[in-house]
Amino acid sequence: NLANGDTVVLKDFEVTCVPAADTRYYYIKDATAACLIYANNYGLAAGDKVAKGMVATVKIYNGLYELIPVTPKAELTITSGTPAQPALATAAPTVADQNKYVVYKNVTVAADTAFLASKNTVLGIMANDTIKFYNTFKLTDTLKVGKQYTIEAVNSVFNNPQVFPLS
């Protein structure tokens, strides 16, 4: 429930992924949440842990929440580490699963045309559950209908429960 321009302080977080397709962003997580941070000038690597906090401002861009760092990198304490292991997902996410860091195993891609114009959503089937993968980084060019994938992701709610791929 943050508003555009709000200020937040992130404490003791670790970087879970630096997506190769768009290095402007990092996914970060702390004990309770995961989010997208616009940090192309910070040079953080997956697994880096940041202590002492980082001040950031909220930006809403294309309906998505982003955090823009304010604290200079030189003022942060950064240590290298191993990212926390994601939990194994056994069903499609619900609103209660928001921000969980999970792995979806053996998901069969059912369609990549849910948003035909923007190519942003891939539908997958895991057991009897339909899962929406929101492809912020437009992975639809590599996911093929009918093929199975194991996908590391962060659960999110964007109009409805969705999954943001990290892998």
Protein backbone atom coordinates (compact mmCIF):
# COMPACT_ATOMS: atom_id res chain seq x y z
CA ASN A 1 0.00 0.00 0.00
CA LEU A 2 2.82 2.41 -0.78
CA ALA A 3 2.25 5.52 -2.82
CA ASN A 4 4.38 6.93 -5.58
CA GLY A 5 7.16 8.96 -3.98
CA ASP A 6 7.01 7.28 -0.56
CA THR A 7 10.33 6.69 1.22
CA VAL A 8 11.26 3.27 2.59
CA VAL A 9 14.28 1.90 4.44
CA LEU A 10 15.44 -1.60 3.48
CA LYS A 11 17.46 -3.35 6.18
CA ASP A 12 19.56 -6.51 6.07
CA PHE A 13 18.44 -7.72 2.66
CA GLU A 14 20.10 -9.98 0.16
CA VAL A 15 20.06 -9.99 -3.61
CA THR A 16 18.34 -13.11 -4.89
CA CYS A 17 18.85 -12.56 -8.61
CA VAL A 18 20.35 -10.24 -11.16
CA PRO A 19 18.30 -11.07 -14.27
CA ALA A 20 20.53 -11.44 -17.31
CA ALA A 21 17.85 -10.11 -19.65
CA ASP A 22 17.63 -6.72 -17.97
CA THR A 23 20.50 -5.72 -15.70
CA ARG A 24 18.77 -2.50 -14.65
CA TYR A 25 16.93 -4.41 -11.93
CA TYR A 26 17.62 -6.62 -8.94
CA TYR A 27 15.23 -8.79 -7.04
CA ILE A 28 15.92 -8.42 -3.34
CA LYS A 29 14.44 -10.11 -0.31
CA ASP A 30 14.50 -9.74 3.43
CA ALA A 31 12.87 -11.91 6.06
CA THR A 32 9.35 -11.00 4.98
CA ALA A 33 9.26 -9.76 1.42
CA ALA A 34 10.75 -9.65 -2.04
CA CYS A 35 10.67 -6.74 -4.44
CA LEU A 36 12.09 -5.17 -7.56
CA ILE A 37 14.75 -2.51 -7.15
CA TYR A 38 16.03 -0.22 -9.88
CA ALA A 39 19.75 -0.29 -9.21
CA ASN A 40 21.77 -0.32 -12.40
CA ASN A 41 24.63 1.63 -10.80
CA TYR A 42 25.06 -0.42 -7.63
CA GLY A 43 26.90 -3.42 -9.04
CA LEU A 44 25.39 -5.87 -6.56
CA ALA A 45 25.76 -9.57 -7.37
CA ALA A 46 23.41 -12.43 -6.56
CA GLY A 47 23.90 -13.42 -2.94
CA ASP A 48 25.35 -10.10 -1.78
CA LYS A 49 23.97 -9.14 1.61
CA VAL A 50 23.39 -5.50 2.46
CA ALA A 51 23.38 -4.45 6.11
CA LYS A 52 22.74 -1.09 7.82
CA GLY A 53 19.85 -0.31 5.53
CA MET A 54 19.31 1.41 2.21
CA VAL A 55 16.94 4.34 1.77
CA ALA A 56 14.85 4.11 -1.38
CA THR A 57 11.89 5.91 -2.90
CA VAL A 58 8.86 4.20 -4.38
CA LYS A 59 8.10 4.58 -8.06
CA ILE A 60 5.08 3.16 -9.85
CA TYR A 61 5.96 2.46 -13.48
CA ASN A 62 3.57 0.69 -15.85
CA GLY A 63 1.51 -0.29 -12.81
CA LEU A 64 4.44 -2.04 -11.12
CA TYR A 65 6.12 -0.99 -7.89
CA GLU A 66 9.85 -0.26 -8.10
CA LEU A 67 12.24 1.00 -5.46
CA ILE A 68 14.83 3.61 -6.44
CA PRO A 69 17.92 3.63 -4.17
CA VAL A 70 18.87 6.92 -2.57
CA THR A 71 21.70 5.85 -0.26
CA PRO A 72 25.12 6.04 -1.96
CA LYS A 73 26.71 2.62 -2.45
CA ALA A 74 29.79 3.79 -0.54
CA GLU A 75 27.66 4.17 2.60
CA LEU A 76 26.38 0.59 2.52
CA THR A 77 27.94 -2.46 4.11
CA ILE A 78 27.92 -5.25 1.52
CA THR A 79 29.08 -8.81 2.15
CA SER A 80 29.03 -11.71 -0.28
CA GLY A 81 26.82 -14.64 0.54
CA THR A 82 24.75 -17.46 -0.80
CA PRO A 83 21.12 -16.68 -1.67
CA ALA A 84 18.48 -18.30 0.51
CA GLN A 85 17.09 -21.47 -1.02
CA PRO A 86 13.61 -21.05 -2.47
CA ALA A 87 10.75 -23.20 -1.20
CA LEU A 88 9.22 -25.80 -3.50
CA ALA A 89 5.80 -24.65 -4.71
CA THR A 90 3.12 -27.31 -4.89
CA ALA A 91 0.23 -25.24 -6.26
CA ALA A 92 -0.56 -21.98 -8.02
CA PRO A 93 -0.14 -18.94 -5.76
CA THR A 94 -2.92 -17.28 -3.82
CA VAL A 95 -2.99 -13.75 -2.44
CA ALA A 96 -1.63 -15.18 0.83
CA ASP A 97 1.47 -16.43 -1.01
CA GLN A 98 2.56 -12.95 -2.12
CA ASN A 99 6.32 -12.32 -1.91
CA LYS A 100 7.27 -15.96 -1.34
CA TYR A 101 10.48 -17.06 -3.06
CA VAL A 102 9.68 -20.40 -4.68
CA VAL A 103 10.53 -22.97 -7.35
CA TYR A 104 7.81 -24.31 -9.63
CA LYS A 105 8.83 -27.77 -10.88
CA ASN A 106 7.66 -29.45 -14.07
CA VAL A 107 5.32 -26.72 -15.28
CA THR A 108 3.96 -27.34 -18.77
CA VAL A 109 3.55 -24.16 -20.79
CA ALA A 110 -0.07 -24.01 -21.92
CA ALA A 111 -0.05 -20.68 -23.81
CA ASP A 112 2.04 -17.55 -24.21
CA THR A 113 -0.71 -15.33 -25.60
CA ALA A 114 -2.66 -14.23 -22.54
CA PHE A 115 -1.67 -10.66 -23.31
CA LEU A 116 -1.16 -10.99 -27.02
CA ALA A 117 -0.11 -7.39 -27.68
CA SER A 118 2.47 -7.10 -24.92
CA LYS A 119 3.53 -10.75 -24.63
CA ASN A 120 3.81 -10.28 -20.88
CA THR A 121 2.04 -13.34 -19.51
CA VAL A 122 2.76 -17.04 -20.00
CA LEU A 123 0.21 -19.57 -18.81
CA GLY A 124 1.49 -22.80 -17.31
CA ILE A 125 -0.08 -25.95 -15.89
CA MET A 126 1.30 -27.68 -12.79
CA ALA A 127 -0.79 -30.72 -11.84
CA ASN A 128 -4.32 -29.30 -12.13
CA ASP A 129 -3.38 -25.68 -11.41
CA THR A 130 -3.11 -22.93 -13.99
CA ILE A 131 -0.24 -20.55 -13.22
CA LYS A 132 0.32 -17.10 -14.69
CA PHE A 133 3.97 -16.20 -15.15
CA TYR A 134 4.36 -12.46 -15.56
CA ASN A 135 7.39 -12.06 -17.81
CA THR A 136 8.77 -8.68 -16.86
CA PHE A 137 11.81 -9.48 -18.97
CA LYS A 138 9.83 -10.91 -21.89
CA LEU A 139 10.96 -14.51 -21.64
CA THR A 140 8.16 -15.58 -24.00
CA ASP A 141 10.65 -15.86 -26.86
CA THR A 142 12.32 -18.82 -25.15
CA LEU A 143 9.36 -20.58 -23.48
CA LYS A 144 7.64 -23.01 -25.81
CA VAL A 145 4.05 -24.21 -25.58
CA GLY A 146 3.89 -27.88 -24.58
CA LYS A 147 7.39 -27.97 -23.06
CA GLN A 148 8.05 -28.45 -19.35
CA TYR A 149 10.14 -26.04 -17.27
CA THR A 150 11.33 -25.65 -13.71
CA ILE A 151 11.14 -21.96 -12.83
CA GLU A 152 12.58 -20.09 -9.84
CA ALA A 153 10.30 -17.18 -9.06
CA VAL A 154 8.79 -14.73 -6.62
CA ASN A 155 5.03 -14.89 -6.12
CA SER A 156 3.28 -11.59 -6.62
CA VAL A 157 -0.15 -10.04 -6.94
CA PHE A 158 -0.61 -7.80 -9.97
CA ASN A 159 -4.37 -7.53 -10.52
CA ASN A 160 -4.44 -11.23 -9.51
CA PRO A 161 -1.95 -13.77 -8.13
CA GLN A 162 0.94 -14.16 -10.55
CA VAL A 163 4.50 -15.42 -10.59
CA PHE A 164 7.51 -13.29 -11.48
CA PRO A 165 10.25 -15.52 -12.94
CA LEU A 166 13.80 -15.11 -11.65
CA SER A 167 15.36 -17.91 -13.68
